Structure formats: structure tokens, C-alpha cells
Amino acid sequence: LDAKCGDKLEQPGEECDDGNMSDNDACTAGCKDAFCGDGFVLQDTEECDDKNMINDDGCTNACKLPSCSDN
């Protein structure tokens, strides 16, 4: 049996394996744990994710859209 990312079996080198190829859930298509700053918008959790740690651009470091009162 050929082990691969997306087979629902966490193998060495994989942080997770949820059996799908979505980059917008807790486990990316590359079998890595999703996090703010990875460039993928985590569904129902992040408003944006621009893959950088620049807090005063179009997406904050908390993966939220900037607002008038967020300093």
C-alpha cells in the first residue's frame, strides 16, 4: 500500500491527514496543521490570511480584516 497525504493515515512527515485536499480546514492539502500566516484562509476562523506578519496591511497578524478602531 502506497502511503500518501490525503489517505486519512498520519504518516511520518505529516502533521495531520484528514483525508481531503482542502487548504481551508484545520489540515492543509500538504498534510500540515493550518495556522494564521500560512497563506490559506481557515474557514469559519480567519477573515483573511496574506502569508505575512505585517500588521498594518490588508490583513492583520490575527488574520482579521483591518477596521477603523483596531489601532
PDB file of N, CA and C in Angstrom:
ATOM      1  N   LEU A   1       0.852  -1.185   0.000  1.00  0.00           N
ATOM      2  CA  LEU A   1       0.000   0.000   0.000  1.00  0.00           C
ATOM      3  C   LEU A   1       0.887   1.235   0.000  1.00  0.00           C
ATOM      4  N   ASP A   2       0.587   2.152  -0.860  1.00  0.00           N
ATOM      5  CA  ASP A   2       1.379   3.368  -1.026  1.00  0.00           C
ATOM      6  C   ASP A   2       0.826   4.464  -0.113  1.00  0.00           C
ATOM      7  N   ALA A   3       1.549   4.831   0.954  1.00  0.00           N
ATOM      8  CA  ALA A   3       1.099   5.873   1.876  1.00  0.00           C
ATOM      9  C   ALA A   3       1.275   7.234   1.226  1.00  0.00           C
ATOM     10  N   LYS A   4       0.277   8.091   1.368  1.00  0.00           N
ATOM     11  CA  LYS A   4       0.366   9.428   0.804  1.00  0.00           C
ATOM     12  C   LYS A   4      -0.516  10.382   1.584  1.00  0.00           C
ATOM     13  N   CYS A   5      -0.231  11.656   1.440  1.00  0.00           N
ATOM     14  CA  CYS A   5      -1.046  12.689   2.061  1.00  0.00           C
ATOM     15  C   CYS A   5      -2.456  12.607   1.477  1.00  0.00           C
ATOM     16  N   GLY A   6      -3.449  12.596   2.364  1.00  0.00           N
ATOM     17  CA  GLY A   6      -4.842  12.524   1.934  1.00  0.00           C
ATOM     18  C   GLY A   6      -5.455  11.148   2.074  1.00  0.00           C
ATOM     19  N   ASP A   7      -4.685  10.192   2.634  1.00  0.00           N
ATOM     20  CA  ASP A   7      -5.218   8.839   2.781  1.00  0.00           C
ATOM     21  C   ASP A   7      -5.828   8.579   4.158  1.00  0.00           C
ATOM     22  N   LYS A   8      -5.949   9.623   4.973  1.00  0.00           N
ATOM     23  CA  LYS A   8      -6.510   9.561   6.334  1.00  0.00           C
ATOM     24  C   LYS A   8      -5.628   8.806   7.327  1.00  0.00           C
ATOM     25  N   LEU A   9      -4.394   8.516   6.941  1.00  0.00           N
ATOM     26  CA  LEU A   9      -3.448   7.861   7.838  1.00  0.00           C
ATOM     27  C   LEU A   9      -2.264   8.790   8.040  1.00  0.00           C
ATOM     28  N   GLU A  10      -2.066   9.249   9.262  1.00  0.00           N
ATOM     29  CA  GLU A  10      -0.952  10.150   9.534  1.00  0.00           C
ATOM     30  C   GLU A  10       0.360   9.373   9.481  1.00  0.00           C
ATOM     31  N   GLN A  11       1.205   9.734   8.529  1.00  0.00           N
ATOM     32  CA  GLN A  11       2.473   9.068   8.287  1.00  0.00           C
ATOM     33  C   GLN A  11       3.625   9.958   8.759  1.00  0.00           C
ATOM     34  N   PRO A  12       4.825   9.408   8.915  1.00  0.00           N
ATOM     35  CA  PRO A  12       5.980  10.248   9.251  1.00  0.00           C
ATOM     36  C   PRO A  12       6.124  11.395   8.253  1.00  0.00           C
ATOM     37  N   GLY A  13       6.357  12.583   8.766  1.00  0.00           N
ATOM     38  CA  GLY A  13       6.485  13.772   7.935  1.00  0.00           C
ATOM     39  C   GLY A  13       5.180  14.544   7.786  1.00  0.00           C
ATOM     40  N   GLU A  14       4.061  13.938   8.164  1.00  0.00           N
ATOM     41  CA  GLU A  14       2.768  14.615   8.125  1.00  0.00           C
ATOM     42  C   GLU A  14       2.408  15.112   9.517  1.00  0.00           C
ATOM     43  N   GLU A  15       1.903  16.340   9.606  1.00  0.00           N
ATOM     44  CA  GLU A  15       1.433  16.859  10.882  1.00  0.00           C
ATOM     45  C   GLU A  15      -0.012  16.427  11.136  1.00  0.00           C
ATOM     46  N   CYS A  16      -0.735  16.138  10.053  1.00  0.00           N
ATOM     47  CA  CYS A  16      -2.131  15.720  10.128  1.00  0.00           C
ATOM     48  C   CYS A  16      -2.478  15.058   8.803  1.00  0.00           C
ATOM     49  N   ASP A  17      -3.607  14.382   8.744  1.00  0.00           N
ATOM     50  CA  ASP A  17      -4.104  13.814   7.489  1.00  0.00           C
ATOM     51  C   ASP A  17      -5.595  13.569   7.658  1.00  0.00           C
ATOM     52  N   ASP A  18      -6.389  14.517   7.162  1.00  0.00           N
ATOM     53  CA  ASP A  18      -7.835  14.426   7.334  1.00  0.00           C
ATOM     54  C   ASP A  18      -8.543  13.796   6.137  1.00  0.00           C
ATOM     55  N   GLY A  19      -7.790  13.328   5.167  1.00  0.00           N
ATOM     56  CA  GLY A  19      -8.372  12.602   4.058  1.00  0.00           C
ATOM     57  C   GLY A  19      -8.937  13.460   2.947  1.00  0.00           C
ATOM     58  N   ASN A  20      -8.683  14.769   2.968  1.00  0.00           N
ATOM     59  CA  ASN A  20      -9.144  15.606   1.860  1.00  0.00           C
ATOM     60  C   ASN A  20      -8.021  16.536   1.415  1.00  0.00           C
ATOM     61  N   MET A  21      -8.225  17.171   0.309  1.00  0.00           N
ATOM     62  CA  MET A  21      -7.207  18.039  -0.269  1.00  0.00           C
ATOM     63  C   MET A  21      -7.595  19.512  -0.146  1.00  0.00           C
ATOM     64  N   SER A  22      -8.300  19.876   0.926  1.00  0.00           N
ATOM     65  CA  SER A  22      -8.700  21.260   1.160  1.00  0.00           C
ATOM     66  C   SER A  22      -7.605  22.004   1.920  1.00  0.00           C
ATOM     67  N   ASP A  23      -7.340  23.245   1.510  1.00  0.00           N
ATOM     68  CA  ASP A  23      -6.406  24.105   2.238  1.00  0.00           C
ATOM     69  C   ASP A  23      -7.137  25.032   3.191  1.00  0.00           C
ATOM     70  N   ASN A  24      -8.445  24.893   3.314  1.00  0.00           N
ATOM     71  CA  ASN A  24      -9.236  25.825   4.110  1.00  0.00           C
ATOM     72  C   ASN A  24      -9.832  25.190   5.356  1.00  0.00           C
ATOM     73  N   ASP A  25      -9.281  24.067   5.795  1.00  0.00           N
ATOM     74  CA  ASP A  25      -9.705  23.463   7.051  1.00  0.00           C
ATOM     75  C   ASP A  25      -8.478  23.290   7.952  1.00  0.00           C
ATOM     76  N   ALA A  26      -8.615  22.592   9.042  1.00  0.00           N
ATOM     77  CA  ALA A  26      -7.544  22.508  10.046  1.00  0.00           C
ATOM     78  C   ALA A  26      -6.297  21.777   9.562  1.00  0.00           C
ATOM     79  N   CYS A  27      -6.428  20.985   8.498  1.00  0.00           N
ATOM     80  CA  CYS A  27      -5.297  20.246   7.940  1.00  0.00           C
ATOM     81  C   CYS A  27      -5.199  20.591   6.462  1.00  0.00           C
ATOM     82  N   THR A  28      -4.089  21.192   6.041  1.00  0.00           N
ATOM     83  CA  THR A  28      -3.938  21.641   4.662  1.00  0.00           C
ATOM     84  C   THR A  28      -3.757  20.455   3.708  1.00  0.00           C
ATOM     85  N   ALA A  29      -3.844  20.728   2.417  1.00  0.00           N
ATOM     86  CA  ALA A  29      -3.664  19.694   1.395  1.00  0.00           C
ATOM     87  C   ALA A  29      -2.259  19.098   1.426  1.00  0.00           C
ATOM     88  N   GLY A  30      -1.311  19.782   2.058  1.00  0.00           N
ATOM     89  CA  GLY A  30       0.045  19.271   2.214  1.00  0.00           C
ATOM     90  C   GLY A  30       0.243  18.523   3.515  1.00  0.00           C
ATOM     91  N   CYS A  31      -0.864  18.206   4.201  1.00  0.00           N
ATOM     92  CA  CYS A  31      -0.842  17.474   5.474  1.00  0.00           C
ATOM     93  C   CYS A  31      -0.047  18.211   6.549  1.00  0.00           C
ATOM     94  N   LYS A  32      -0.230  19.526   6.589  1.00  0.00           N
ATOM     95  CA  LYS A  32       0.355  20.364   7.632  1.00  0.00           C
ATOM     96  C   LYS A  32      -0.775  21.016   8.408  1.00  0.00           C
ATOM     97  N   ASP A  33      -0.574  21.247   9.708  1.00  0.00           N
ATOM     98  CA  ASP A  33      -1.568  21.936  10.520  1.00  0.00           C
ATOM     99  C   ASP A  33      -1.725  23.366  10.027  1.00  0.00           C
ATOM    100  N   ALA A  34      -2.963  23.811   9.854  1.00  0.00           N
ATOM    101  CA  ALA A  34      -3.243  25.173   9.424  1.00  0.00           C
ATOM    102  C   ALA A  34      -2.924  26.146  10.561  1.00  0.00           C
ATOM    103  N   PHE A  35      -2.438  27.345  10.192  1.00  0.00           N
ATOM    104  CA  PHE A  35      -2.160  28.381  11.178  1.00  0.00           C
ATOM    105  C   PHE A  35      -2.288  29.739  10.523  1.00  0.00           C
ATOM    106  N   CYS A  36      -2.529  30.750  11.316  1.00  0.00           N
ATOM    107  CA  CYS A  36      -2.606  32.119  10.817  1.00  0.00           C
ATOM    108  C   CYS A  36      -1.226  32.502  10.294  1.00  0.00           C
ATOM    109  N   GLY A  37      -1.172  32.881   9.022  1.00  0.00           N
ATOM    110  CA  GLY A  37       0.089  33.237   8.398  1.00  0.00           C
ATOM    111  C   GLY A  37       0.569  32.208   7.384  1.00  0.00           C
ATOM    112  N   ASP A  38      -0.212  31.122   7.191  1.00  0.00           N
ATOM    113  CA  ASP A  38       0.198  30.096   6.230  1.00  0.00           C
ATOM    114  C   ASP A  38      -0.249  30.392   4.801  1.00  0.00           C
ATOM    115  N   GLY A  39      -1.050  31.451   4.614  1.00  0.00           N
ATOM    116  CA  GLY A  39      -1.496  31.822   3.279  1.00  0.00           C
ATOM    117  C   GLY A  39      -2.825  31.227   2.867  1.00  0.00           C
ATOM    118  N   PHE A  40      -3.427  30.399   3.715  1.00  0.00           N
ATOM    119  CA  PHE A  40      -4.724  29.806   3.436  1.00  0.00           C
ATOM    120  C   PHE A  40      -5.730  30.337   4.450  1.00  0.00           C
ATOM    121  N   VAL A  41      -6.918  30.708   4.003  1.00  0.00           N
ATOM    122  CA  VAL A  41      -7.955  31.226   4.900  1.00  0.00           C
ATOM    123  C   VAL A  41      -8.682  30.042   5.535  1.00  0.00           C
ATOM    124  N   LEU A  42      -8.509  29.885   6.837  1.00  0.00           N
ATOM    125  CA  LEU A  42      -9.148  28.809   7.583  1.00  0.00           C
ATOM    126  C   LEU A  42     -10.633  29.115   7.721  1.00  0.00           C
ATOM    127  N   GLN A  43     -11.455  28.293   7.116  1.00  0.00           N
ATOM    128  CA  GLN A  43     -12.899  28.501   7.068  1.00  0.00           C
ATOM    129  C   GLN A  43     -13.489  28.663   8.472  1.00  0.00           C
ATOM    130  N   ASP A  44     -14.357  29.640   8.635  1.00  0.00           N
ATOM    131  CA  ASP A  44     -15.080  29.935   9.882  1.00  0.00           C
ATOM    132  C   ASP A  44     -14.176  30.411  11.020  1.00  0.00           C
ATOM    133  N   THR A  45     -12.886  30.633  10.767  1.00  0.00           N
ATOM    134  CA  THR A  45     -11.957  31.067  11.810  1.00  0.00           C
ATOM    135  C   THR A  45     -11.222  32.338  11.412  1.00  0.00           C
ATOM    136  N   GLU A  46     -10.700  32.385  10.198  1.00  0.00           N
ATOM    137  CA  GLU A  46      -9.938  33.529   9.720  1.00  0.00           C
ATOM    138  C   GLU A  46     -10.748  34.331   8.700  1.00  0.00           C
ATOM    139  N   GLU A  47     -10.584  35.644   8.740  1.00  0.00           N
ATOM    140  CA  GLU A  47     -11.217  36.508   7.746  1.00  0.00           C
ATOM    141  C   GLU A  47     -10.319  36.673   6.520  1.00  0.00           C
ATOM    142  N   CYS A  48      -9.016  36.527   6.721  1.00  0.00           N
ATOM    143  CA  CYS A  48      -8.034  36.681   5.659  1.00  0.00           C
ATOM    144  C   CYS A  48      -6.749  35.988   6.113  1.00  0.00           C
ATOM    145  N   ASP A  49      -5.835  35.797   5.198  1.00  0.00           N
ATOM    146  CA  ASP A  49      -4.516  35.249   5.533  1.00  0.00           C
ATOM    147  C   ASP A  49      -3.585  35.584   4.386  1.00  0.00           C
ATOM    148  N   ASP A  50      -2.751  36.616   4.585  1.00  0.00           N
ATOM    149  CA  ASP A  50      -1.896  37.093   3.499  1.00  0.00           C
ATOM    150  C   ASP A  50      -0.464  36.564   3.568  1.00  0.00           C
ATOM    151  N   LYS A  51      -0.239  35.582   4.404  1.00  0.00           N
ATOM    152  CA  LYS A  51       1.044  34.882   4.495  1.00  0.00           C
ATOM    153  C   LYS A  51       2.203  35.798   4.875  1.00  0.00           C
ATOM    154  N   ASN A  52       1.906  36.791   5.716  1.00  0.00           N
ATOM    155  CA  ASN A  52       2.995  37.615   6.233  1.00  0.00           C
ATOM    156  C   ASN A  52       2.647  38.097   7.636  1.00  0.00           C
ATOM    157  N   MET A  53       3.594  38.640   8.319  1.00  0.00           N
ATOM    158  CA  MET A  53       3.390  39.155   9.668  1.00  0.00           C
ATOM    159  C   MET A  53       3.548  40.675   9.673  1.00  0.00           C
ATOM    160  N   ILE A  54       2.905  41.325   8.699  1.00  0.00           N
ATOM    161  CA  ILE A  54       2.839  42.781   8.645  1.00  0.00           C
ATOM    162  C   ILE A  54       1.455  43.164   9.145  1.00  0.00           C
ATOM    163  N   ASN A  55       1.396  43.783  10.302  1.00  0.00           N
ATOM    164  CA  ASN A  55       0.119  44.002  10.974  1.00  0.00           C
ATOM    165  C   ASN A  55      -0.691  45.157  10.397  1.00  0.00           C
ATOM    166  N   ASP A  56      -0.064  46.072   9.651  1.00  0.00           N
ATOM    167  CA  ASP A  56      -0.810  47.245   9.190  1.00  0.00           C
ATOM    168  C   ASP A  56      -1.046  47.232   7.680  1.00  0.00           C
ATOM    169  N   ASP A  57      -1.213  46.034   7.114  1.00  0.00           N
ATOM    170  CA  ASP A  57      -1.582  45.934   5.698  1.00  0.00           C
ATOM    171  C   ASP A  57      -3.037  45.472   5.592  1.00  0.00           C
ATOM    172  N   GLY A  58      -3.422  44.812   4.542  1.00  0.00           N
ATOM    173  CA  GLY A  58      -4.811  44.432   4.313  1.00  0.00           C
ATOM    174  C   GLY A  58      -5.325  43.292   5.165  1.00  0.00           C
ATOM    175  N   CYS A  59      -4.446  42.663   5.941  1.00  0.00           N
ATOM    176  CA  CYS A  59      -4.822  41.554   6.817  1.00  0.00           C
ATOM    177  C   CYS A  59      -3.945  41.623   8.062  1.00  0.00           C
ATOM    178  N   THR A  60      -4.552  41.668   9.237  1.00  0.00           N
ATOM    179  CA  THR A  60      -3.775  41.805  10.474  1.00  0.00           C
ATOM    180  C   THR A  60      -3.053  40.501  10.815  1.00  0.00           C
ATOM    181  N   ASN A  61      -2.170  40.561  11.791  1.00  0.00           N
ATOM    182  CA  ASN A  61      -1.440  39.374  12.244  1.00  0.00           C
ATOM    183  C   ASN A  61      -2.341  38.357  12.935  1.00  0.00           C
ATOM    184  N   ALA A  62      -3.577  38.748  13.244  1.00  0.00           N
ATOM    185  CA  ALA A  62      -4.559  37.832  13.824  1.00  0.00           C
ATOM    186  C   ALA A  62      -5.476  37.262  12.744  1.00  0.00           C
ATOM    187  N   CYS A  63      -5.116  37.484  11.477  1.00  0.00           N
ATOM    188  CA  CYS A  63      -5.905  37.014  10.330  1.00  0.00           C
ATOM    189  C   CYS A  63      -7.323  37.582  10.344  1.00  0.00           C
ATOM    190  N   LYS A  64      -7.415  38.850  10.689  1.00  0.00           N
ATOM    191  CA  LYS A  64      -8.668  39.595  10.658  1.00  0.00           C
ATOM    192  C   LYS A  64      -8.512  40.758   9.694  1.00  0.00           C
ATOM    193  N   LEU A  65      -9.614  41.162   9.092  1.00  0.00           N
ATOM    194  CA  LEU A  65      -9.592  42.338   8.242  1.00  0.00           C
ATOM    195  C   LEU A  65      -9.418  43.577   9.094  1.00  0.00           C
ATOM    196  N   PRO A  66      -8.631  44.535   8.666  1.00  0.00           N
ATOM    197  CA  PRO A  66      -8.430  45.747   9.464  1.00  0.00           C
ATOM    198  C   PRO A  66      -9.739  46.518   9.602  1.00  0.00           C
ATOM    199  N   SER A  67      -9.889  47.184  10.745  1.00  0.00           N
ATOM    200  CA  SER A  67     -11.072  48.002  10.982  1.00  0.00           C
ATOM    201  C   SER A  67     -10.626  49.350  11.535  1.00  0.00           C
ATOM    202  N   CYS A  68     -11.517  50.280  11.529  1.00  0.00           N
ATOM    203  CA  CYS A  68     -11.220  51.657  11.910  1.00  0.00           C
ATOM    204  C   CYS A  68     -10.686  51.777  13.339  1.00  0.00           C
ATOM    205  N   SER A  69     -11.125  50.951  14.249  1.00  0.00           N
ATOM    206  CA  SER A  69     -10.745  51.105  15.659  1.00  0.00           C
ATOM    207  C   SER A  69      -9.753  50.051  16.148  1.00  0.00           C
ATOM    208  N   ASP A  70      -9.002  49.407  15.251  1.00  0.00           N
ATOM    209  CA  ASP A  70      -8.092  48.366  15.695  1.00  0.00           C
ATOM    210  C   ASP A  70      -6.658  48.843  15.942  1.00  0.00           C
ATOM    211  N   ASN A  71      -6.428  50.131  15.882  1.00  0.00           N
ATOM    212  CA  ASN A  71      -5.114  50.717  16.084  1.00  0.00           C
ATOM    213  C   ASN A  71      -4.132  50.293  15.015  1.00  0.00           C
TER     214      ASN A  71
END
